[in-house]
Amino acid sequence: LGRVPLHIPATYNAATNAEPTQAD
Protein backbone atom coordinates (compact mmCIF):
# COMPACT_ATOMS: atom_id res chain seq x y z
CA LEU A 1 0.00 0.00 0.00
CA GLY A 2 2.98 2.33 0.17
CA ARG A 3 2.38 3.29 3.79
CA VAL A 4 3.16 1.84 7.21
CA PRO A 5 0.02 0.64 9.00
CA LEU A 6 -0.79 1.57 12.57
CA HIS A 7 -0.53 -1.70 14.51
CA ILE A 8 -2.26 -2.38 17.82
CA PRO A 9 -0.83 -5.66 19.20
CA ALA A 10 -3.11 -8.31 20.65
CA THR A 11 -0.91 -8.80 23.70
CA TYR A 12 -0.53 -5.96 26.14
CA ASN A 13 0.61 -5.86 29.76
CA ALA A 14 -1.56 -3.32 31.55
CA ALA A 15 0.54 -3.55 34.72
CA THR A 16 3.71 -2.42 32.94
CA ASN A 17 2.00 -0.49 30.14
CA ALA A 18 4.12 -2.51 27.72
CA GLU A 19 3.48 -3.92 24.26
CA PRO A 20 5.24 -7.04 22.94
CA THR A 21 8.64 -7.01 21.30
CA GLN A 22 9.51 -8.42 17.90
CA ALA A 23 10.76 -11.55 19.66
CA ASP A 24 7.23 -12.56 20.74
PDB file of all heavy atoms in Angstrom:
ATOM      1  N   LEU A   1       0.794  -1.228   0.000  1.00  0.00           N
ATOM      2  CA  LEU A   1       0.000   0.000   0.000  1.00  0.00           C
ATOM      3  C   LEU A   1       0.830   1.285   0.000  1.00  0.00           C
ATOM      4  O   LEU A   1       0.277   2.374  -0.137  1.00  0.00           O
ATOM      5  CB  LEU A   1      -0.941   0.011   1.212  1.00  0.00           C
ATOM      6  CG  LEU A   1      -1.938  -1.148   1.296  1.00  0.00           C
ATOM      7  CD1 LEU A   1      -2.836  -0.989   2.515  1.00  0.00           C
ATOM      8  CD2 LEU A   1      -2.782  -1.241   0.026  1.00  0.00           C
ATOM      9  N   GLY A   2       2.132   1.147   0.192  1.00  0.00           N
ATOM     10  CA  GLY A   2       2.981   2.334   0.170  1.00  0.00           C
ATOM     11  C   GLY A   2       2.884   3.178   1.419  1.00  0.00           C
ATOM     12  O   GLY A   2       3.214   4.368   1.407  1.00  0.00           O
ATOM     13  N   ARG A   3       2.463   2.579   2.516  1.00  0.00           N
ATOM     14  CA  ARG A   3       2.384   3.292   3.793  1.00  0.00           C
ATOM     15  C   ARG A   3       2.459   2.283   4.926  1.00  0.00           C
ATOM     16  O   ARG A   3       2.019   1.135   4.782  1.00  0.00           O
ATOM     17  CB  ARG A   3       1.097   4.107   3.903  1.00  0.00           C
ATOM     18  CG  ARG A   3      -0.162   3.304   3.709  1.00  0.00           C
ATOM     19  CD  ARG A   3      -1.411   4.150   3.928  1.00  0.00           C
ATOM     20  NE  ARG A   3      -1.573   4.503   5.327  1.00  0.00           N
ATOM     21  CZ  ARG A   3      -2.367   5.480   5.749  1.00  0.00           C
ATOM     22  NH1 ARG A   3      -3.040   6.210   4.885  1.00  0.00           N
ATOM     23  NH2 ARG A   3      -2.493   5.739   7.038  1.00  0.00           N
ATOM     24  N   VAL A   4       3.015   2.719   6.053  1.00  0.00           N
ATOM     25  CA  VAL A   4       3.164   1.842   7.207  1.00  0.00           C
ATOM     26  C   VAL A   4       1.846   1.837   7.986  1.00  0.00           C
ATOM     27  O   VAL A   4       1.335   2.904   8.347  1.00  0.00           O
ATOM     28  CB  VAL A   4       4.312   2.312   8.120  1.00  0.00           C
ATOM     29  CG1 VAL A   4       4.452   1.384   9.326  1.00  0.00           C
ATOM     30  CG2 VAL A   4       5.625   2.383   7.343  1.00  0.00           C
ATOM     31  N   PRO A   5       1.276   0.674   8.252  1.00  0.00           N
ATOM     32  CA  PRO A   5       0.017   0.637   9.005  1.00  0.00           C
ATOM     33  C   PRO A   5       0.235   0.953  10.476  1.00  0.00           C
ATOM     34  O   PRO A   5       1.336   0.763  11.012  1.00  0.00           O
ATOM     35  CB  PRO A   5      -0.445  -0.811   8.824  1.00  0.00           C
ATOM     36  CG  PRO A   5       0.827  -1.584   8.683  1.00  0.00           C
ATOM     37  CD  PRO A   5       1.750  -0.682   7.896  1.00  0.00           C
ATOM     38  N   LEU A   6      -0.817   1.422  11.121  1.00  0.00           N
ATOM     39  CA  LEU A   6      -0.794   1.566  12.568  1.00  0.00           C
ATOM     40  C   LEU A   6      -1.193   0.222  13.168  1.00  0.00           C
ATOM     41  O   LEU A   6      -2.282  -0.293  12.890  1.00  0.00           O
ATOM     42  CB  LEU A   6      -1.780   2.647  13.011  1.00  0.00           C
ATOM     43  CG  LEU A   6      -1.960   2.825  14.523  1.00  0.00           C
ATOM     44  CD1 LEU A   6      -0.632   3.181  15.187  1.00  0.00           C
ATOM     45  CD2 LEU A   6      -3.003   3.890  14.820  1.00  0.00           C
ATOM     46  N   HIS A   7      -0.304  -0.357  13.969  1.00  0.00           N
ATOM     47  CA  HIS A   7      -0.529  -1.705  14.506  1.00  0.00           C
ATOM     48  C   HIS A   7      -0.821  -1.630  15.999  1.00  0.00           C
ATOM     49  O   HIS A   7      -0.042  -1.048  16.766  1.00  0.00           O
ATOM     50  CB  HIS A   7       0.708  -2.577  14.259  1.00  0.00           C
ATOM     51  CG  HIS A   7       0.643  -3.914  14.923  1.00  0.00           C
ATOM     52  ND1 HIS A   7       1.724  -4.458  15.603  1.00  0.00           N
ATOM     53  CD2 HIS A   7      -0.368  -4.821  15.025  1.00  0.00           C
ATOM     54  CE1 HIS A   7       1.379  -5.645  16.078  1.00  0.00           C
ATOM     55  NE2 HIS A   7       0.109  -5.880  15.755  1.00  0.00           N
ATOM     56  N   ILE A   8      -1.932  -2.220  16.405  1.00  0.00           N
ATOM     57  CA  ILE A   8      -2.258  -2.381  17.819  1.00  0.00           C
ATOM     58  C   ILE A   8      -2.101  -3.863  18.151  1.00  0.00           C
ATOM     59  O   ILE A   8      -2.883  -4.696  17.680  1.00  0.00           O
ATOM     60  CB  ILE A   8      -3.695  -1.927  18.126  1.00  0.00           C
ATOM     61  CG1 ILE A   8      -3.931  -0.493  17.635  1.00  0.00           C
ATOM     62  CG2 ILE A   8      -3.981  -2.051  19.616  1.00  0.00           C
ATOM     63  CD1 ILE A   8      -3.032   0.534  18.263  1.00  0.00           C
ATOM     64  N   PRO A   9      -1.079  -4.237  18.917  1.00  0.00           N
ATOM     65  CA  PRO A   9      -0.832  -5.656  19.199  1.00  0.00           C
ATOM     66  C   PRO A   9      -1.932  -6.280  20.056  1.00  0.00           C
ATOM     67  O   PRO A   9      -2.581  -5.606  20.869  1.00  0.00           O
ATOM     68  CB  PRO A   9       0.508  -5.644  19.939  1.00  0.00           C
ATOM     69  CG  PRO A   9       1.118  -4.321  19.638  1.00  0.00           C
ATOM     70  CD  PRO A   9      -0.026  -3.379  19.472  1.00  0.00           C
ATOM     71  N   ALA A  10      -2.107  -7.568  19.878  1.00  0.00           N
ATOM     72  CA  ALA A  10      -3.106  -8.305  20.648  1.00  0.00           C
ATOM     73  C   ALA A  10      -2.689  -8.465  22.096  1.00  0.00           C
ATOM     74  O   ALA A  10      -3.536  -8.484  22.997  1.00  0.00           O
ATOM     75  CB  ALA A  10      -3.329  -9.680  20.015  1.00  0.00           C
ATOM     76  N   THR A  11      -1.411  -8.592  22.333  1.00  0.00           N
ATOM     77  CA  THR A  11      -0.909  -8.798  23.698  1.00  0.00           C
ATOM     78  C   THR A  11      -0.431  -7.478  24.278  1.00  0.00           C
ATOM     79  O   THR A  11       0.289  -6.717  23.630  1.00  0.00           O
ATOM     80  CB  THR A  11       0.249  -9.812  23.693  1.00  0.00           C
ATOM     81  OG1 THR A  11       1.247  -9.373  22.764  1.00  0.00           O
ATOM     82  CG2 THR A  11      -0.253 -11.181  23.267  1.00  0.00           C
ATOM     83  N   TYR A  12      -0.853  -7.229  25.498  1.00  0.00           N
ATOM     84  CA  TYR A  12      -0.533  -5.957  26.140  1.00  0.00           C
ATOM     85  C   TYR A  12      -0.538  -6.169  27.646  1.00  0.00           C
ATOM     86  O   TYR A  12      -1.463  -6.769  28.208  1.00  0.00           O
ATOM     87  CB  TYR A  12      -1.572  -4.912  25.740  1.00  0.00           C
ATOM     88  CG  TYR A  12      -1.431  -3.594  26.462  1.00  0.00           C
ATOM     89  CD1 TYR A  12      -0.447  -2.684  26.100  1.00  0.00           C
ATOM     90  CD2 TYR A  12      -2.303  -3.267  27.503  1.00  0.00           C
ATOM     91  CE1 TYR A  12      -0.325  -1.466  26.759  1.00  0.00           C
ATOM     92  CE2 TYR A  12      -2.192  -2.048  28.171  1.00  0.00           C
ATOM     93  CZ  TYR A  12      -1.191  -1.150  27.792  1.00  0.00           C
ATOM     94  OH  TYR A  12      -1.071   0.042  28.438  1.00  0.00           O
ATOM     95  N   ASN A  13       0.483  -5.719  28.308  1.00  0.00           N
ATOM     96  CA  ASN A  13       0.610  -5.859  29.760  1.00  0.00           C
ATOM     97  C   ASN A  13       0.186  -4.549  30.422  1.00  0.00           C
ATOM     98  O   ASN A  13       0.925  -3.572  30.431  1.00  0.00           O
ATOM     99  CB  ASN A  13       2.053  -6.205  30.140  1.00  0.00           C
ATOM    100  CG  ASN A  13       2.176  -6.592  31.600  1.00  0.00           C
ATOM    101  OD1 ASN A  13       1.449  -6.091  32.452  1.00  0.00           O
ATOM    102  ND2 ASN A  13       3.123  -7.485  31.895  1.00  0.00           N
ATOM    103  N   ALA A  14      -1.028  -4.547  30.942  1.00  0.00           N
ATOM    104  CA  ALA A  14      -1.559  -3.320  31.546  1.00  0.00           C
ATOM    105  C   ALA A  14      -0.750  -2.898  32.768  1.00  0.00           C
ATOM    106  O   ALA A  14      -0.613  -1.704  33.050  1.00  0.00           O
ATOM    107  CB  ALA A  14      -3.019  -3.530  31.914  1.00  0.00           C
ATOM    108  N   ALA A  15      -0.198  -3.867  33.494  1.00  0.00           N
ATOM    109  CA  ALA A  15       0.543  -3.547  34.717  1.00  0.00           C
ATOM    110  C   ALA A  15       1.805  -2.753  34.416  1.00  0.00           C
ATOM    111  O   ALA A  15       2.185  -1.845  35.161  1.00  0.00           O
ATOM    112  CB  ALA A  15       0.888  -4.829  35.465  1.00  0.00           C
ATOM    113  N   THR A  16       2.456  -3.108  33.300  1.00  0.00           N
ATOM    114  CA  THR A  16       3.705  -2.422  32.939  1.00  0.00           C
ATOM    115  C   THR A  16       3.526  -1.436  31.794  1.00  0.00           C
ATOM    116  O   THR A  16       4.474  -0.781  31.373  1.00  0.00           O
ATOM    117  CB  THR A  16       4.766  -3.457  32.541  1.00  0.00           C
ATOM    118  OG1 THR A  16       4.294  -4.197  31.403  1.00  0.00           O
ATOM    119  CG2 THR A  16       5.047  -4.420  33.676  1.00  0.00           C
ATOM    120  N   ASN A  17       2.299  -1.370  31.280  1.00  0.00           N
ATOM    121  CA  ASN A  17       2.003  -0.493  30.139  1.00  0.00           C
ATOM    122  C   ASN A  17       2.932  -0.789  28.967  1.00  0.00           C
ATOM    123  O   ASN A  17       3.431   0.103  28.281  1.00  0.00           O
ATOM    124  CB  ASN A  17       2.131   0.981  30.536  1.00  0.00           C
ATOM    125  CG  ASN A  17       1.448   1.904  29.534  1.00  0.00           C
ATOM    126  OD1 ASN A  17       0.454   1.526  28.908  1.00  0.00           O
ATOM    127  ND2 ASN A  17       1.981   3.109  29.361  1.00  0.00           N
ATOM    128  N   ALA A  18       3.149  -2.093  28.730  1.00  0.00           N
ATOM    129  CA  ALA A  18       4.121  -2.508  27.724  1.00  0.00           C
ATOM    130  C   ALA A  18       3.460  -3.344  26.629  1.00  0.00           C
ATOM    131  O   ALA A  18       2.600  -4.177  26.906  1.00  0.00           O
ATOM    132  CB  ALA A  18       5.239  -3.318  28.366  1.00  0.00           C
ATOM    133  N   GLU A  19       3.903  -3.117  25.407  1.00  0.00           N
ATOM    134  CA  GLU A  19       3.480  -3.921  24.262  1.00  0.00           C
ATOM    135  C   GLU A  19       4.581  -4.941  23.967  1.00  0.00           C
ATOM    136  O   GLU A  19       5.723  -4.800  24.407  1.00  0.00           O
ATOM    137  CB  GLU A  19       3.204  -3.030  23.053  1.00  0.00           C
ATOM    138  CG  GLU A  19       2.005  -2.108  23.278  1.00  0.00           C
ATOM    139  CD  GLU A  19       1.683  -1.259  22.061  1.00  0.00           C
ATOM    140  OE1 GLU A  19       2.550  -1.162  21.168  1.00  0.00           O
ATOM    141  OE2 GLU A  19       0.577  -0.700  22.000  1.00  0.00           O
ATOM    142  N   PRO A  20       4.259  -5.976  23.197  1.00  0.00           N
ATOM    143  CA  PRO A  20       5.243  -7.040  22.942  1.00  0.00           C
ATOM    144  C   PRO A  20       6.404  -6.567  22.082  1.00  0.00           C
ATOM    145  O   PRO A  20       6.309  -5.555  21.391  1.00  0.00           O
ATOM    146  CB  PRO A  20       4.419  -8.095  22.211  1.00  0.00           C
ATOM    147  CG  PRO A  20       3.320  -7.327  21.556  1.00  0.00           C
ATOM    148  CD  PRO A  20       2.979  -6.235  22.512  1.00  0.00           C
ATOM    149  N   THR A  21       7.481  -7.294  22.149  1.00  0.00           N
ATOM    150  CA  THR A  21       8.637  -7.006  21.305  1.00  0.00           C
ATOM    151  C   THR A  21       8.585  -7.896  20.072  1.00  0.00           C
ATOM    152  O   THR A  21       7.760  -8.800  19.955  1.00  0.00           O
ATOM    153  CB  THR A  21       9.945  -7.300  22.064  1.00  0.00           C
ATOM    154  OG1 THR A  21      10.023  -8.717  22.315  1.00  0.00           O
ATOM    155  CG2 THR A  21       9.975  -6.557  23.385  1.00  0.00           C
ATOM    156  N   GLN A  22       9.480  -7.636  19.128  1.00  0.00           N
ATOM    157  CA  GLN A  22       9.514  -8.423  17.899  1.00  0.00           C
ATOM    158  C   GLN A  22       9.829  -9.889  18.178  1.00  0.00           C
ATOM    159  O   GLN A  22       9.566 -10.754  17.359  1.00  0.00           O
ATOM    160  CB  GLN A  22      10.556  -7.847  16.931  1.00  0.00           C
ATOM    161  CG  GLN A  22      10.147  -6.495  16.342  1.00  0.00           C
ATOM    162  CD  GLN A  22      11.109  -6.057  15.259  1.00  0.00           C
ATOM    163  OE1 GLN A  22      11.828  -6.866  14.681  1.00  0.00           O
ATOM    164  NE2 GLN A  22      11.127  -4.769  14.968  1.00  0.00           N
ATOM    165  N   ALA A  23      10.387 -10.171  19.346  1.00  0.00           N
ATOM    166  CA  ALA A  23      10.759 -11.547  19.660  1.00  0.00           C
ATOM    167  C   ALA A  23       9.563 -12.408  20.067  1.00  0.00           C
ATOM    168  O   ALA A  23       9.666 -13.628  20.157  1.00  0.00           O
ATOM    169  CB  ALA A  23      11.798 -11.553  20.784  1.00  0.00           C
ATOM    170  N   ASP A  24       8.408 -11.797  20.341  1.00  0.00           N
ATOM    171  CA  ASP A  24       7.227 -12.559  20.740  1.00  0.00           C
ATOM    172  C   ASP A  24       6.832 -13.536  19.639  1.00  0.00           C
ATOM    173  O   ASP A  24       6.922 -13.238  18.448  1.00  0.00           O
ATOM    174  CB  ASP A  24       6.074 -11.618  21.061  1.00  0.00           C
ATOM    175  CG  ASP A  24       6.319 -10.860  22.359  1.00  0.00           C
ATOM    176  OD1 ASP A  24       6.916 -11.445  23.264  1.00  0.00           O
ATOM    177  OD2 ASP A  24       5.922  -9.687  22.446  1.00  0.00           O
TER     178      ASP A  24
END
